[in-house]
Amino acid sequence: MLLASLVEPAFGLIFWMTLSFGVAFFLLAKFAWKPILNALHERERSIEDAIGEARKAREEVAAMKAGNEELLQQARNERDQLLKEAREIRDREIAGAKDRAKAEADAILARAREDIRNEKNAAITEMKNLVGELSIEVAERILREKLSDKAAQEALLEKVLKESDLRRS
């Protein structure tokens, strides 16, 4: 019977259970429901704020990533520009060195030609002098042979005087 009375609820038991549930519900609604809802709303607000901050952080990270990519691209462009300028400087220096070497070679060649011309002129002058000396020496020997006697000398002297008189007139 004890078991049967627990299984079959009596009117008094239902009344007291409903009354105790109502009191508990009233007390919870009066004292606990608002703080629980406030805490839930506060938690919901903090979660939304955290989500918003996470979005902001994600956007900032994306912006920073884009900025980093841009900086990296600028650095690459600057590197390429510096390499291009270095190549141009190298090419200019090589061209300048070639031009200077060509100018020096031309100057050396011109000096060599001038030296050759001077040596040639000196050799020609020396040859002329030698030919002149040889001519004088040959003429001297011929004259000595022809003018070895006194009569030949006098005949030559008269011939020269006669020719000089003809030229003066």
Protein backbone atom coordinates (compact mmCIF):
# COMPACT_ATOMS: atom_id res chain seq x y z
CA MET A 1 0.00 0.00 0.00
CA LEU A 2 2.77 2.28 0.67
CA LEU A 3 3.97 1.68 -2.81
CA ALA A 4 0.53 2.23 -4.27
CA SER A 5 0.08 5.53 -2.45
CA LEU A 6 3.30 6.82 -3.94
CA VAL A 7 2.32 5.80 -7.43
CA GLU A 8 -1.17 7.30 -7.18
CA PRO A 9 -0.86 10.95 -6.38
CA ALA A 10 -3.30 12.32 -3.95
CA PHE A 11 -4.88 15.75 -4.21
CA GLY A 12 -2.91 17.06 -1.22
CA LEU A 13 0.39 15.95 -2.69
CA ILE A 14 -0.34 17.63 -6.03
CA PHE A 15 -1.48 20.79 -4.23
CA TRP A 16 1.63 21.00 -2.09
CA MET A 17 3.93 20.20 -5.01
CA THR A 18 2.25 22.82 -7.17
CA LEU A 19 2.41 25.33 -4.32
CA SER A 20 6.08 24.59 -3.64
CA PHE A 21 6.81 24.79 -7.39
CA GLY A 22 4.99 28.12 -7.63
CA VAL A 23 6.88 29.51 -4.61
CA ALA A 24 10.18 28.28 -6.02
CA PHE A 25 9.24 29.73 -9.42
CA PHE A 26 8.20 33.03 -7.86
CA LEU A 27 11.41 33.24 -5.82
CA LEU A 28 13.53 32.33 -8.83
CA ALA A 29 11.67 34.85 -11.03
CA LYS A 30 11.88 37.56 -8.37
CA PHE A 31 15.46 37.10 -7.26
CA ALA A 32 17.39 34.84 -9.65
CA TRP A 33 15.79 35.22 -13.12
CA LYS A 34 16.89 38.87 -13.73
CA PRO A 35 20.49 38.31 -12.58
CA ILE A 36 20.66 35.12 -14.68
CA LEU A 37 19.23 36.91 -17.74
CA ASN A 38 21.52 39.88 -17.11
CA ALA A 39 24.47 37.54 -16.85
CA LEU A 40 23.37 35.79 -20.06
CA HIS A 41 22.93 39.13 -21.83
CA GLU A 42 26.31 40.29 -20.51
CA ARG A 43 27.91 37.05 -21.69
CA GLU A 44 26.19 37.39 -25.07
CA ARG A 45 27.44 40.99 -25.37
CA SER A 46 31.00 39.99 -24.41
CA ILE A 47 30.91 37.16 -26.97
CA GLU A 48 29.68 39.58 -29.65
CA ASP A 49 32.42 42.05 -28.66
CA ALA A 50 35.01 39.28 -28.82
CA ILE A 51 33.69 38.23 -32.25
CA GLY A 52 33.82 41.87 -33.40
CA GLU A 53 37.38 42.26 -32.09
CA ALA A 54 38.32 38.98 -33.76
CA ARG A 55 36.90 40.33 -37.06
CA LYS A 56 38.80 43.57 -36.59
CA ALA A 57 41.96 41.63 -35.81
CA ARG A 58 41.42 39.42 -38.86
CA GLU A 59 40.88 42.51 -41.03
CA GLU A 60 43.97 44.16 -39.56
CA VAL A 61 45.97 41.01 -40.19
CA ALA A 62 44.66 40.93 -43.77
CA ALA A 63 45.53 44.62 -44.19
CA MET A 64 48.96 44.04 -42.68
CA LYS A 65 49.45 41.06 -44.96
CA ALA A 66 48.47 43.18 -47.96
CA GLY A 67 50.79 45.94 -46.69
CA ASN A 68 53.57 43.41 -46.26
CA GLU A 69 52.99 42.11 -49.79
CA GLU A 70 53.08 45.68 -51.06
CA LEU A 71 56.29 46.39 -49.13
CA LEU A 72 57.77 43.16 -50.41
CA GLN A 73 56.83 44.11 -53.97
CA GLN A 74 58.33 47.58 -53.47
CA ALA A 75 61.52 46.00 -52.11
CA ARG A 76 61.66 43.70 -55.15
CA ASN A 77 61.11 46.65 -57.48
CA GLU A 78 63.84 48.65 -55.72
CA ARG A 79 66.19 45.66 -55.91
CA ASP A 80 65.46 45.27 -59.61
CA GLN A 81 66.00 48.99 -60.15
CA LEU A 82 69.32 48.90 -58.25
CA LEU A 83 70.47 45.89 -60.27
CA LYS A 84 69.47 47.66 -63.49
CA GLU A 85 71.39 50.79 -62.46
CA ALA A 86 74.39 48.67 -61.48
CA ARG A 87 74.33 46.97 -64.90
CA GLU A 88 74.07 50.35 -66.63
CA ILE A 89 76.99 51.71 -64.58
CA ARG A 90 79.02 48.60 -65.37
CA ASP A 91 78.23 48.93 -69.07
CA ARG A 92 79.13 52.63 -69.03
CA GLU A 93 82.39 51.90 -67.22
CA ILE A 94 83.26 49.16 -69.69
CA ALA A 95 82.40 51.43 -72.63
CA GLY A 96 84.45 54.24 -71.05
CA ALA A 97 87.38 51.90 -70.50
CA LYS A 98 87.14 50.74 -74.11
CA ASP A 99 87.02 54.34 -75.32
CA ARG A 100 90.01 55.29 -73.16
CA ALA A 101 91.94 52.23 -74.34
CA LYS A 102 91.10 53.05 -77.97
CA ALA A 103 92.15 56.67 -77.45
CA GLU A 104 95.42 55.56 -75.83
CA ALA A 105 96.03 53.06 -78.64
CA ASP A 106 95.34 55.78 -81.22
CA ALA A 107 97.70 58.16 -79.39
CA ILE A 108 100.41 55.48 -79.22
CA LEU A 109 99.87 54.70 -82.91
CA ALA A 110 100.06 58.41 -83.80
CA ARG A 111 103.27 58.78 -81.75
CA ALA A 112 104.69 55.69 -83.43
CA ARG A 113 103.83 57.08 -86.88
CA GLU A 114 105.39 60.41 -85.95
CA ASP A 115 108.51 58.64 -84.66
CA ILE A 116 108.67 56.57 -87.86
CA ARG A 117 108.25 59.72 -89.96
CA ASN A 118 110.98 61.48 -87.95
CA GLU A 119 113.29 58.48 -88.25
CA LYS A 120 112.56 58.27 -91.98
CA ASN A 121 113.32 61.98 -92.41
CA ALA A 122 116.47 61.59 -90.36
CA ALA A 123 117.51 58.58 -92.45
CA ILE A 124 116.76 60.47 -95.70
CA THR A 125 118.75 63.47 -94.45
CA GLU A 126 121.61 61.21 -93.47
CA MET A 127 121.45 59.47 -96.85
CA LYS A 128 121.49 62.86 -98.60
CA ASN A 129 124.46 63.90 -96.53
CA LEU A 130 126.25 60.65 -97.33
CA VAL A 131 125.39 60.96 -101.03
CA GLY A 132 126.59 64.57 -100.94
CA GLU A 133 129.83 63.57 -99.22
CA LEU A 134 130.32 60.71 -101.67
CA SER A 135 129.59 63.02 -104.61
CA ILE A 136 132.09 65.55 -103.32
CA GLU A 137 134.63 62.83 -102.75
CA VAL A 138 134.06 61.39 -106.25
CA ALA A 139 134.21 64.86 -107.81
CA GLU A 140 137.33 65.64 -105.86
CA ARG A 141 139.03 62.47 -107.09
CA ILE A 142 137.94 63.11 -110.66
CA LEU A 143 139.18 66.70 -110.49
CA ARG A 144 142.48 65.60 -108.99
CA GLU A 145 142.95 63.17 -111.80
CA LYS A 146 141.95 65.65 -114.51
CA LEU A 147 143.73 68.58 -113.02
CA SER A 148 146.91 66.82 -112.13
CA ASP A 149 148.95 68.87 -114.52
CA LYS A 150 149.24 72.69 -114.69
CA ALA A 151 147.90 73.05 -118.26
CA ALA A 152 144.62 71.27 -117.45
CA GLN A 153 144.12 73.51 -114.44
CA GLU A 154 144.59 76.68 -116.49
CA ALA A 155 142.25 75.46 -119.23
CA LEU A 156 139.55 74.71 -116.69
CA LEU A 157 140.03 78.10 -115.04
CA GLU A 158 139.61 79.89 -118.36
CA LYS A 159 136.52 77.87 -119.21
CA VAL A 160 134.91 78.73 -115.85
CA LEU A 161 135.75 82.42 -116.25
CA LYS A 162 134.37 82.46 -119.75
CA GLU A 163 131.10 80.83 -118.61
CA SER A 164 130.76 83.25 -115.72
CA ASP A 165 131.22 86.19 -118.10
CA LEU A 166 128.50 84.81 -120.32
CA ARG A 167 126.12 84.51 -117.46
CA ARG A 168 126.69 88.04 -116.25
CA SER A 169 125.93 89.54 -119.61
